[in-house]
């Protein structure tokens, strides 16, 4: 178990036709496809990318096991 806080991010809108910088943010978060879900560590860099493309994402608290 890591002590780092994480969030779960899912791409719910397509990246087709979006700005290249927004597409790059999605790739930087590790998202490649629609409806793909990834767990992201809440660093300032990652949160900036999430905020930039928040209109494309569904963001939830990650479930701790």
Protein backbone atom coordinates (compact mmCIF):
# COMPACT_ATOMS: atom_id res chain seq x y z
CA UNK A 1 0.00 0.00 0.00
CA UNK A 2 1.36 3.39 -0.96
CA UNK A 3 0.74 6.53 1.04
CA UNK A 4 0.22 8.56 -2.13
CA UNK A 5 -3.30 9.77 -2.82
CA UNK A 6 -4.71 8.65 -6.17
CA UNK A 7 -7.73 9.45 -8.30
CA UNK A 8 -9.44 7.31 -10.91
CA UNK A 9 -9.80 9.02 -14.30
CA UNK A 10 -11.96 7.75 -17.20
CA UNK A 11 -12.09 9.21 -20.71
CA UNK A 12 -15.78 9.73 -21.55
CA UNK A 13 -15.50 11.95 -24.64
CA UNK A 14 -13.44 11.35 -27.76
CA UNK A 15 -10.04 12.95 -28.36
CA UNK A 16 -10.73 13.21 -32.10
CA UNK A 17 -10.75 16.83 -33.22
CA UNK A 18 -9.41 18.15 -29.89
CA UNK A 19 -6.44 20.45 -29.52
CA UNK A 20 -3.08 18.71 -29.75
CA UNK A 21 -2.20 19.93 -26.26
CA UNK A 22 -5.36 18.34 -24.87
CA UNK A 23 -4.58 15.06 -26.64
CA UNK A 24 -1.07 15.23 -25.19
CA UNK A 25 -2.48 15.69 -21.67
CA UNK A 26 -4.60 12.56 -22.07
CA UNK A 27 -1.57 10.58 -23.25
CA UNK A 28 0.46 12.00 -20.39
CA UNK A 29 -2.12 10.65 -17.96
CA UNK A 30 -1.85 7.23 -19.62
CA UNK A 31 -5.22 7.31 -21.39
CA UNK A 32 -5.30 5.87 -24.91
CA UNK A 33 -8.92 4.86 -25.58
CA UNK A 34 -12.48 5.86 -24.83
CA UNK A 35 -13.82 4.47 -21.55
CA UNK A 36 -10.35 3.51 -20.40
CA UNK A 37 -9.84 4.03 -16.68
CA UNK A 38 -6.48 4.76 -15.08
CA UNK A 39 -5.40 5.50 -11.52
CA UNK A 40 -3.36 8.69 -11.32
CA UNK A 41 -1.24 9.92 -8.42
CA UNK A 42 -2.36 13.40 -7.36
CA UNK A 43 0.80 15.39 -8.05
CA UNK A 44 0.53 19.06 -9.08
CA UNK A 45 1.61 18.12 -12.62
CA UNK A 46 -1.05 15.41 -13.00
CA UNK A 47 -3.77 17.57 -11.46
CA UNK A 48 -2.92 20.35 -13.94
CA UNK A 49 -3.42 17.92 -16.83
CA UNK A 50 -6.70 16.69 -15.32
CA UNK A 51 -7.96 20.26 -14.92
CA UNK A 52 -7.00 21.14 -18.49
CA UNK A 53 -9.09 18.32 -19.99
CA UNK A 54 -11.72 17.94 -17.27
CA UNK A 55 -14.49 18.33 -19.87
CA UNK A 56 -13.37 15.01 -21.42
CA UNK A 57 -13.02 13.05 -18.18
CA UNK A 58 -14.93 11.49 -15.31
CA UNK A 59 -12.89 11.83 -12.12
CA UNK A 60 -13.49 9.75 -8.99
CA UNK A 61 -11.68 8.98 -5.77
CA UNK A 62 -9.66 5.79 -6.16
CA UNK A 63 -10.92 2.88 -4.08
CA UNK A 64 -8.40 1.69 -1.53
CA UNK A 65 -8.16 -2.08 -1.08
